């Protein structure tokens, strides 16, 4: 349950065992200390290959950590705006 790749990668046993979200927004800071940048990059690349996924909005942010990885604005405001754009809601 800790590794989302188990459910989204065709090469792993969990593929097809769950419904995969069609929209993904992944932000990671270059200076994060929680995990390697390759962890998020691997997830983004596998998601892009998954036929159930419509879009993957992936970005790295220079000089930021894991939880504050935004180019501008606040993480909460940017995330809410992104959700609205995925749902076709007026911003």
PDB file of N, CA and C in Angstrom:
ATOM      1  N   UNK A   1       0.820  -1.197   0.000  1.00  0.00           N
ATOM      2  CA  UNK A   1       0.000   0.000   0.000  1.00  0.00           C
ATOM      3  C   UNK A   1       0.858   1.253   0.000  1.00  0.00           C
ATOM      4  N   UNK A   2       2.113   1.136   0.408  1.00  0.00           N
ATOM      5  CA  UNK A   2       2.980   2.307   0.485  1.00  0.00           C
ATOM      6  C   UNK A   2       3.493   2.722  -0.886  1.00  0.00           C
ATOM      7  N   UNK A   3       3.606   1.797  -1.814  1.00  0.00           N
ATOM      8  CA  UNK A   3       4.192   2.071  -3.117  1.00  0.00           C
ATOM      9  C   UNK A   3       3.107   2.128  -4.192  1.00  0.00           C
ATOM     10  N   UNK A   4       2.791   3.325  -4.705  1.00  0.00           N
ATOM     11  CA  UNK A   4       1.745   3.423  -5.726  1.00  0.00           C
ATOM     12  C   UNK A   4       2.125   2.717  -7.028  1.00  0.00           C
ATOM     13  N   UNK A   5       3.410   2.515  -7.272  1.00  0.00           N
ATOM     14  CA  UNK A   5       3.832   1.820  -8.495  1.00  0.00           C
ATOM     15  C   UNK A   5       3.232   0.417  -8.569  1.00  0.00           C
ATOM     16  N   UNK A   6       3.004  -0.205  -7.439  1.00  0.00           N
ATOM     17  CA  UNK A   6       2.421  -1.547  -7.392  1.00  0.00           C
ATOM     18  C   UNK A   6       1.090  -1.594  -8.144  1.00  0.00           C
ATOM     19  N   UNK A   7       0.338  -0.505  -8.091  1.00  0.00           N
ATOM     20  CA  UNK A   7      -0.989  -0.479  -8.699  1.00  0.00           C
ATOM     21  C   UNK A   7      -1.014   0.115 -10.107  1.00  0.00           C
ATOM     22  N   UNK A   8       0.007   0.861 -10.490  1.00  0.00           N
ATOM     23  CA  UNK A   8      -0.044   1.552 -11.790  1.00  0.00           C
ATOM     24  C   UNK A   8       0.932   1.011 -12.823  1.00  0.00           C
ATOM     25  N   UNK A   9       1.928   0.230 -12.396  1.00  0.00           N
ATOM     26  CA  UNK A   9       2.916  -0.305 -13.334  1.00  0.00           C
ATOM     27  C   UNK A   9       2.456  -1.660 -13.876  1.00  0.00           C
ATOM     28  N   UNK A  10       2.416  -1.790 -15.184  1.00  0.00           N
ATOM     29  CA  UNK A  10       1.960  -3.033 -15.810  1.00  0.00           C
ATOM     30  C   UNK A  10       2.797  -4.242 -15.406  1.00  0.00           C
ATOM     31  N   UNK A  11       4.033  -4.026 -15.053  1.00  0.00           N
ATOM     32  CA  UNK A  11       4.933  -5.134 -14.725  1.00  0.00           C
ATOM     33  C   UNK A  11       4.766  -5.666 -13.300  1.00  0.00           C
ATOM     34  N   UNK A  12       3.930  -5.035 -12.490  1.00  0.00           N
ATOM     35  CA  UNK A  12       3.774  -5.453 -11.096  1.00  0.00           C
ATOM     36  C   UNK A  12       2.417  -6.123 -10.862  1.00  0.00           C
ATOM     37  N   UNK A  13       2.351  -6.992  -9.870  1.00  0.00           N
ATOM     38  CA  UNK A  13       1.170  -7.822  -9.617  1.00  0.00           C
ATOM     39  C   UNK A  13      -0.097  -7.046  -9.283  1.00  0.00           C
ATOM     40  N   UNK A  14       0.027  -5.847  -8.739  1.00  0.00           N
ATOM     41  CA  UNK A  14      -1.148  -5.079  -8.344  1.00  0.00           C
ATOM     42  C   UNK A  14      -1.830  -4.345  -9.485  1.00  0.00           C
ATOM     43  N   UNK A  15      -1.210  -4.346 -10.681  1.00  0.00           N
ATOM     44  CA  UNK A  15      -1.774  -3.631 -11.828  1.00  0.00           C
ATOM     45  C   UNK A  15      -3.173  -4.170 -12.132  1.00  0.00           C
ATOM     46  N   UNK A  16      -4.130  -3.260 -12.240  1.00  0.00           N
ATOM     47  CA  UNK A  16      -5.511  -3.636 -12.528  1.00  0.00           C
ATOM     48  C   UNK A  16      -6.323  -3.978 -11.305  1.00  0.00           C
ATOM     49  N   UNK A  17      -5.701  -3.982 -10.128  1.00  0.00           N
ATOM     50  CA  UNK A  17      -6.404  -4.336  -8.900  1.00  0.00           C
ATOM     51  C   UNK A  17      -7.131  -3.149  -8.275  1.00  0.00           C
ATOM     52  N   UNK A  18      -6.932  -1.960  -8.835  1.00  0.00           N
ATOM     53  CA  UNK A  18      -7.586  -0.776  -8.286  1.00  0.00           C
ATOM     54  C   UNK A  18      -7.900   0.201  -9.420  1.00  0.00           C
ATOM     55  N   UNK A  19      -8.713   1.176  -9.112  1.00  0.00           N
ATOM     56  CA  UNK A  19      -9.030   2.223 -10.073  1.00  0.00           C
ATOM     57  C   UNK A  19      -7.992   3.328  -9.928  1.00  0.00           C
ATOM     58  N   UNK A  20      -7.325   3.640 -11.015  1.00  0.00           N
ATOM     59  CA  UNK A  20      -6.273   4.648 -10.996  1.00  0.00           C
ATOM     60  C   UNK A  20      -6.871   6.005 -11.338  1.00  0.00           C
ATOM     61  N   UNK A  21      -6.532   6.995 -10.546  1.00  0.00           N
ATOM     62  CA  UNK A  21      -7.002   8.356 -10.786  1.00  0.00           C
ATOM     63  C   UNK A  21      -6.548   8.817 -12.175  1.00  0.00           C
ATOM     64  N   UNK A  22      -7.406   9.470 -12.945  1.00  0.00           N
ATOM     65  CA  UNK A  22      -7.014   9.898 -14.282  1.00  0.00           C
ATOM     66  C   UNK A  22      -6.141  11.156 -14.323  1.00  0.00           C
ATOM     67  N   UNK A  23      -6.114  11.928 -13.240  1.00  0.00           N
ATOM     68  CA  UNK A  23      -5.346  13.176 -13.214  1.00  0.00           C
ATOM     69  C   UNK A  23      -4.364  13.150 -12.047  1.00  0.00           C
ATOM     70  N   UNK A  24      -3.111  13.533 -12.327  1.00  0.00           N
ATOM     71  CA  UNK A  24      -2.066  13.529 -11.297  1.00  0.00           C
ATOM     72  C   UNK A  24      -1.297  14.833 -11.357  1.00  0.00           C
ATOM     73  N   UNK A  25      -1.039  15.411 -10.184  1.00  0.00           N
ATOM     74  CA  UNK A  25      -0.198  16.611 -10.062  1.00  0.00           C
ATOM     75  C   UNK A  25       0.893  16.288  -9.052  1.00  0.00           C
ATOM     76  N   UNK A  26       2.130  16.267  -9.520  1.00  0.00           N
ATOM     77  CA  UNK A  26       3.260  15.906  -8.671  1.00  0.00           C
ATOM     78  C   UNK A  26       4.245  17.066  -8.669  1.00  0.00           C
ATOM     79  N   UNK A  27       4.537  17.587  -7.491  1.00  0.00           N
ATOM     80  CA  UNK A  27       5.541  18.646  -7.324  1.00  0.00           C
ATOM     81  C   UNK A  27       6.607  18.141  -6.373  1.00  0.00           C
ATOM     82  N   UNK A  28       7.832  18.406  -6.707  1.00  0.00           N
ATOM     83  CA  UNK A  28       8.924  18.013  -5.836  1.00  0.00           C
ATOM     84  C   UNK A  28      10.010  19.069  -5.865  1.00  0.00           C
ATOM     85  N   UNK A  29      10.572  19.328  -4.714  1.00  0.00           N
ATOM     86  CA  UNK A  29      11.650  20.299  -4.625  1.00  0.00           C
ATOM     87  C   UNK A  29      13.003  19.625  -4.773  1.00  0.00           C
ATOM     88  N   UNK A  30      13.903  20.304  -5.410  1.00  0.00           N
ATOM     89  CA  UNK A  30      15.255  19.783  -5.603  1.00  0.00           C
ATOM     90  C   UNK A  30      15.955  19.579  -4.262  1.00  0.00           C
ATOM     91  N   UNK A  31      15.621  20.397  -3.267  1.00  0.00           N
ATOM     92  CA  UNK A  31      16.300  20.327  -1.970  1.00  0.00           C
ATOM     93  C   UNK A  31      15.560  19.505  -0.920  1.00  0.00           C
ATOM     94  N   UNK A  32      14.678  18.643  -1.336  1.00  0.00           N
ATOM     95  CA  UNK A  32      13.955  17.857  -0.348  1.00  0.00           C
ATOM     96  C   UNK A  32      14.849  16.804   0.275  1.00  0.00           C
ATOM     97  N   UNK A  33      14.553  16.480   1.521  1.00  0.00           N
ATOM     98  CA  UNK A  33      15.328  15.490   2.228  1.00  0.00           C
ATOM     99  C   UNK A  33      14.538  14.227   2.531  1.00  0.00           C
ATOM    100  N   UNK A  34      13.275  14.167   2.065  1.00  0.00           N
ATOM    101  CA  UNK A  34      12.409  13.033   2.377  1.00  0.00           C
ATOM    102  C   UNK A  34      12.674  11.812   1.501  1.00  0.00           C
ATOM    103  N   UNK A  35      12.981  12.048   0.253  1.00  0.00           N
ATOM    104  CA  UNK A  35      13.174  10.943  -0.683  1.00  0.00           C
ATOM    105  C   UNK A  35      13.986  11.438  -1.876  1.00  0.00           C
ATOM    106  N   UNK A  36      14.384  10.544  -2.703  1.00  0.00           N
ATOM    107  CA  UNK A  36      15.136  10.900  -3.898  1.00  0.00           C
ATOM    108  C   UNK A  36      14.202  11.457  -4.964  1.00  0.00           C
ATOM    109  N   UNK A  37      14.690  12.392  -5.743  1.00  0.00           N
ATOM    110  CA  UNK A  37      13.915  12.939  -6.863  1.00  0.00           C
ATOM    111  C   UNK A  37      13.475  11.832  -7.809  1.00  0.00           C
ATOM    112  N   UNK A  38      14.274  10.780  -7.930  1.00  0.00           N
ATOM    113  CA  UNK A  38      13.921   9.696  -8.856  1.00  0.00           C
ATOM    114  C   UNK A  38      12.649   8.966  -8.435  1.00  0.00           C
ATOM    115  N   UNK A  39      12.281   9.027  -7.162  1.00  0.00           N
ATOM    116  CA  UNK A  39      11.045   8.389  -6.715  1.00  0.00           C
ATOM    117  C   UNK A  39       9.840   9.024  -7.403  1.00  0.00           C
ATOM    118  N   UNK A  40       9.751  10.354  -7.357  1.00  0.00           N
ATOM    119  CA  UNK A  40       8.639  11.037  -8.011  1.00  0.00           C
ATOM    120  C   UNK A  40       8.727  10.937  -9.528  1.00  0.00           C
ATOM    121  N   UNK A  41       9.932  11.003 -10.063  1.00  0.00           N
ATOM    122  CA  UNK A  41      10.118  10.894 -11.502  1.00  0.00           C
ATOM    123  C   UNK A  41       9.694   9.520 -12.008  1.00  0.00           C
ATOM    124  N   UNK A  42      10.067   8.462 -11.294  1.00  0.00           N
ATOM    125  CA  UNK A  42       9.625   7.111 -11.669  1.00  0.00           C
ATOM    126  C   UNK A  42       8.106   7.025 -11.689  1.00  0.00           C
ATOM    127  N   UNK A  43       7.465   7.564 -10.663  1.00  0.00           N
ATOM    128  CA  UNK A  43       6.006   7.539 -10.601  1.00  0.00           C
ATOM    129  C   UNK A  43       5.408   8.281 -11.785  1.00  0.00           C
ATOM    130  N   UNK A  44       5.907   9.463 -12.085  1.00  0.00           N
ATOM    131  CA  UNK A  44       5.378  10.246 -13.208  1.00  0.00           C
ATOM    132  C   UNK A  44       5.529   9.499 -14.531  1.00  0.00           C
ATOM    133  N   UNK A  45       6.672   8.882 -14.751  1.00  0.00           N
ATOM    134  CA  UNK A  45       6.905   8.160 -16.012  1.00  0.00           C
ATOM    135  C   UNK A  45       6.000   6.936 -16.147  1.00  0.00           C
ATOM    136  N   UNK A  46       5.817   6.201 -15.058  1.00  0.00           N
ATOM    137  CA  UNK A  46       4.929   5.036 -15.096  1.00  0.00           C
ATOM    138  C   UNK A  46       3.484   5.478 -15.316  1.00  0.00           C
ATOM    139  N   UNK A  47       3.087   6.563 -14.673  1.00  0.00           N
ATOM    140  CA  UNK A  47       1.720   7.074 -14.856  1.00  0.00           C
ATOM    141  C   UNK A  47       1.462   7.490 -16.299  1.00  0.00           C
ATOM    142  N   UNK A  48       2.450   8.107 -16.932  1.00  0.00           N
ATOM    143  CA  UNK A  48       2.291   8.525 -18.325  1.00  0.00           C
ATOM    144  C   UNK A  48       2.085   7.337 -19.260  1.00  0.00           C
ATOM    145  N   UNK A  49       2.556   6.172 -18.870  1.00  0.00           N
ATOM    146  CA  UNK A  49       2.392   4.960 -19.682  1.00  0.00           C
ATOM    147  C   UNK A  49       1.099   4.209 -19.377  1.00  0.00           C
ATOM    148  N   UNK A  50       0.406   4.593 -18.317  1.00  0.00           N
ATOM    149  CA  UNK A  50      -0.816   3.910 -17.912  1.00  0.00           C
ATOM    150  C   UNK A  50      -1.994   4.418 -18.748  1.00  0.00           C
ATOM    151  N   UNK A  51      -2.707   3.539 -19.440  1.00  0.00           N
ATOM    152  CA  UNK A  51      -3.810   3.981 -20.306  1.00  0.00           C
ATOM    153  C   UNK A  51      -4.988   4.602 -19.556  1.00  0.00           C
ATOM    154  N   UNK A  52      -5.105   4.369 -18.256  1.00  0.00           N
ATOM    155  CA  UNK A  52      -6.198   4.946 -17.469  1.00  0.00           C
ATOM    156  C   UNK A  52      -5.909   6.377 -17.025  1.00  0.00           C
ATOM    157  N   UNK A  53      -4.682   6.823 -17.202  1.00  0.00           N
ATOM    158  CA  UNK A  53      -4.283   8.160 -16.765  1.00  0.00           C
ATOM    159  C   UNK A  53      -4.377   9.126 -17.945  1.00  0.00           C
ATOM    160  N   UNK A  54      -5.125  10.211 -17.757  1.00  0.00           N
ATOM    161  CA  UNK A  54      -5.312  11.210 -18.817  1.00  0.00           C
ATOM    162  C   UNK A  54      -4.182  12.228 -18.852  1.00  0.00           C
ATOM    163  N   UNK A  55      -3.708  12.644 -17.683  1.00  0.00           N
ATOM    164  CA  UNK A  55      -2.626  13.621 -17.654  1.00  0.00           C
ATOM    165  C   UNK A  55      -1.828  13.544 -16.366  1.00  0.00           C
ATOM    166  N   UNK A  56      -0.539  13.878 -16.496  1.00  0.00           N
ATOM    167  CA  UNK A  56       0.376  13.926 -15.365  1.00  0.00           C
ATOM    168  C   UNK A  56       1.055  15.287 -15.402  1.00  0.00           C
ATOM    169  N   UNK A  57       0.779  16.104 -14.401  1.00  0.00           N
ATOM    170  CA  UNK A  57       1.369  17.436 -14.282  1.00  0.00           C
ATOM    171  C   UNK A  57       2.528  17.323 -13.294  1.00  0.00           C
ATOM    172  N   UNK A  58       3.739  17.135 -13.824  1.00  0.00           N
ATOM    173  CA  UNK A  58       4.921  16.909 -12.994  1.00  0.00           C
ATOM    174  C   UNK A  58       5.881  18.080 -13.136  1.00  0.00           C
ATOM    175  N   UNK A  59       6.407  18.542 -12.000  1.00  0.00           N
ATOM    176  CA  UNK A  59       7.402  19.617 -12.043  1.00  0.00           C
ATOM    177  C   UNK A  59       8.340  19.510 -10.854  1.00  0.00           C
ATOM    178  N   UNK A  60       9.590  19.849 -11.105  1.00  0.00           N
ATOM    179  CA  UNK A  60      10.553  20.008 -10.024  1.00  0.00           C
ATOM    180  C   UNK A  60      10.756  21.501  -9.813  1.00  0.00           C
ATOM    181  N   UNK A  61      11.020  21.869  -8.577  1.00  0.00           N
ATOM    182  CA  UNK A  61      11.160  23.280  -8.239  1.00  0.00           C
ATOM    183  C   UNK A  61      12.523  23.502  -7.586  1.00  0.00           C
ATOM    184  N   UNK A  62      13.319  24.345  -8.201  1.00  0.00           N
ATOM    185  CA  UNK A  62      14.661  24.634  -7.708  1.00  0.00           C
ATOM    186  C   UNK A  62      14.600  25.381  -6.386  1.00  0.00           C
ATOM    187  N   UNK A  63      15.423  24.967  -5.437  1.00  0.00           N
ATOM    188  CA  UNK A  63      15.559  25.692  -4.181  1.00  0.00           C
ATOM    189  C   UNK A  63      14.436  25.475  -3.187  1.00  0.00           C
ATOM    190  N   UNK A  64      13.576  24.489  -3.415  1.00  0.00           N
ATOM    191  CA  UNK A  64      12.475  24.225  -2.492  1.00  0.00           C
ATOM    192  C   UNK A  64      12.594  22.814  -1.932  1.00  0.00           C
ATOM    193  N   UNK A  65      11.857  22.580  -0.854  1.00  0.00           N
ATOM    194  CA  UNK A  65      11.843  21.252  -0.257  1.00  0.00           C
ATOM    195  C   UNK A  65      10.624  20.477  -0.741  1.00  0.00           C
ATOM    196  N   UNK A  66      10.341  19.363  -0.105  1.00  0.00           N
ATOM    197  CA  UNK A  66       9.250  18.475  -0.525  1.00  0.00           C
ATOM    198  C   UNK A  66       7.869  19.133  -0.418  1.00  0.00           C
ATOM    199  N   UNK A  67       7.583  19.764   0.699  1.00  0.00           N
ATOM    200  CA  UNK A  67       6.223  20.244   0.942  1.00  0.00           C
ATOM    201  C   UNK A  67       5.959  21.655   0.434  1.00  0.00           C
ATOM    202  N   UNK A  68       6.985  22.365   0.021  1.00  0.00           N
ATOM    203  CA  UNK A  68       6.791  23.741  -0.445  1.00  0.00           C
ATOM    204  C   UNK A  68       7.151  23.900  -1.912  1.00  0.00           C
ATOM    205  N   UNK A  69       7.082  22.850  -2.655  1.00  0.00           N
ATOM    206  CA  UNK A  69       7.559  22.861  -4.035  1.00  0.00           C
ATOM    207  C   UNK A  69       6.545  23.502  -4.985  1.00  0.00           C
ATOM    208  N   UNK A  70       6.563  24.808  -5.049  1.00  0.00           N
ATOM    209  CA  UNK A  70       5.736  25.570  -5.976  1.00  0.00           C
ATOM    210  C   UNK A  70       6.599  26.669  -6.582  1.00  0.00           C
ATOM    211  N   UNK A  71       6.390  26.958  -7.859  1.00  0.00           N
ATOM    212  CA  UNK A  71       7.131  28.044  -8.503  1.00  0.00           C
ATOM    213  C   UNK A  71       6.640  29.405  -8.008  1.00  0.00           C
ATOM    214  N   UNK A  72       5.330  29.539  -7.869  1.00  0.00           N
ATOM    215  CA  UNK A  72       4.715  30.767  -7.365  1.00  0.00           C
ATOM    216  C   UNK A  72       3.475  30.403  -6.556  1.00  0.00           C
ATOM    217  N   UNK A  73       3.017  31.316  -5.734  1.00  0.00           N
ATOM    218  CA  UNK A  73       1.784  31.114  -4.985  1.00  0.00           C
ATOM    219  C   UNK A  73       1.923  30.087  -3.883  1.00  0.00           C
ATOM    220  N   UNK A  74       0.788  29.724  -3.304  1.00  0.00           N
ATOM    221  CA  UNK A  74       0.790  28.735  -2.223  1.00  0.00           C
ATOM    222  C   UNK A  74       0.428  27.355  -2.775  1.00  0.00           C
ATOM    223  N   UNK A  75       0.904  26.328  -2.097  1.00  0.00           N
ATOM    224  CA  UNK A  75       0.621  24.963  -2.532  1.00  0.00           C
ATOM    225  C   UNK A  75      -0.884  24.689  -2.531  1.00  0.00           C
ATOM    226  N   UNK A  76      -1.575  25.147  -1.502  1.00  0.00           N
ATOM    227  CA  UNK A  76      -3.017  24.893  -1.404  1.00  0.00           C
ATOM    228  C   UNK A  76      -3.785  25.583  -2.523  1.00  0.00           C
ATOM    229  N   UNK A  77      -3.499  26.847  -2.755  1.00  0.00           N
ATOM    230  CA  UNK A  77      -4.196  27.593  -3.815  1.00  0.00           C
ATOM    231  C   UNK A  77      -3.911  26.992  -5.182  1.00  0.00           C
ATOM    232  N   UNK A  78      -2.669  26.654  -5.440  1.00  0.00           N
ATOM    233  CA  UNK A  78      -2.311  26.066  -6.730  1.00  0.00           C
ATOM    234  C   UNK A  78      -2.975  24.711  -6.931  1.00  0.00           C
ATOM    235  N   UNK A  79      -3.026  23.911  -5.867  1.00  0.00           N
ATOM    236  CA  UNK A  79      -3.657  22.603  -5.967  1.00  0.00           C
ATOM    237  C   UNK A  79      -5.161  22.730  -6.233  1.00  0.00           C
ATOM    238  N   UNK A  80      -5.821  23.614  -5.521  1.00  0.00           N
ATOM    239  CA  UNK A  80      -7.263  23.813  -5.729  1.00  0.00           C
ATOM    240  C   UNK A  80      -7.541  24.286  -7.141  1.00  0.00           C
ATOM    241  N   UNK A  81      -6.739  25.185  -7.647  1.00  0.00           N
ATOM    242  CA  UNK A  81      -6.885  25.660  -9.023  1.00  0.00           C
ATOM    243  C   UNK A  81      -6.704  24.516 -10.017  1.00  0.00           C
ATOM    244  N   UNK A  82      -5.730  23.654  -9.765  1.00  0.00           N
ATOM    245  CA  UNK A  82      -5.481  22.508 -10.645  1.00  0.00           C
ATOM    246  C   UNK A  82      -6.664  21.547 -10.627  1.00  0.00           C
ATOM    247  N   UNK A  83      -7.218  21.256  -9.436  1.00  0.00           N
ATOM    248  CA  UNK A  83      -8.380  20.366  -9.331  1.00  0.00           C
ATOM    249  C   UNK A  83      -9.552  20.935 -10.116  1.00  0.00           C
ATOM    250  N   UNK A  84      -9.783  22.222  -9.965  1.00  0.00           N
ATOM    251  CA  UNK A  84     -10.883  22.853 -10.708  1.00  0.00           C
ATOM    252  C   UNK A  84     -10.669  22.743 -12.208  1.00  0.00           C
ATOM    253  N   UNK A  85      -9.420  22.894 -12.662  1.00  0.00           N
ATOM    254  CA  UNK A  85      -9.163  22.793 -14.100  1.00  0.00           C
ATOM    255  C   UNK A  85      -9.377  21.368 -14.607  1.00  0.00           C
ATOM    256  N   UNK A  86      -9.079  20.377 -13.782  1.00  0.00           N
ATOM    257  CA  UNK A  86      -9.311  18.979 -14.165  1.00  0.00           C
ATOM    258  C   UNK A  86     -10.800  18.659 -14.250  1.00  0.00           C
ATOM    259  N   UNK A  87     -11.570  19.291 -13.393  1.00  0.00           N
ATOM    260  CA  UNK A  87     -13.013  19.042 -13.338  1.00  0.00           C
ATOM    261  C   UNK A  87     -13.793  19.925 -14.297  1.00  0.00           C
ATOM    262  N   UNK A  88     -13.111  20.851 -14.949  1.00  0.00           N
ATOM    263  CA  UNK A  88     -13.794  21.750 -15.857  1.00  0.00           C
ATOM    264  C   UNK A  88     -14.565  22.844 -15.150  1.00  0.00           C
ATOM    265  N   UNK A  89     -14.292  23.040 -13.866  1.00  0.00           N
ATOM    266  CA  UNK A  89     -14.989  24.075 -13.091  1.00  0.00           C
ATOM    267  C   UNK A  89     -14.399  25.451 -13.395  1.00  0.00           C
ATOM    268  N   UNK A  90     -15.234  26.451 -13.279  1.00  0.00           N
ATOM    269  CA  UNK A  90     -14.759  27.834 -13.464  1.00  0.00           C
ATOM    270  C   UNK A  90     -13.812  28.190 -12.350  1.00  0.00           C
ATOM    271  N   UNK A  91     -12.772  28.930 -12.712  1.00  0.00           N
ATOM    272  CA  UNK A  91     -11.800  29.339 -11.697  1.00  0.00           C
ATOM    273  C   UNK A  91     -12.094  30.700 -11.278  1.00  0.00           C
TER     274      UNK A  91
END
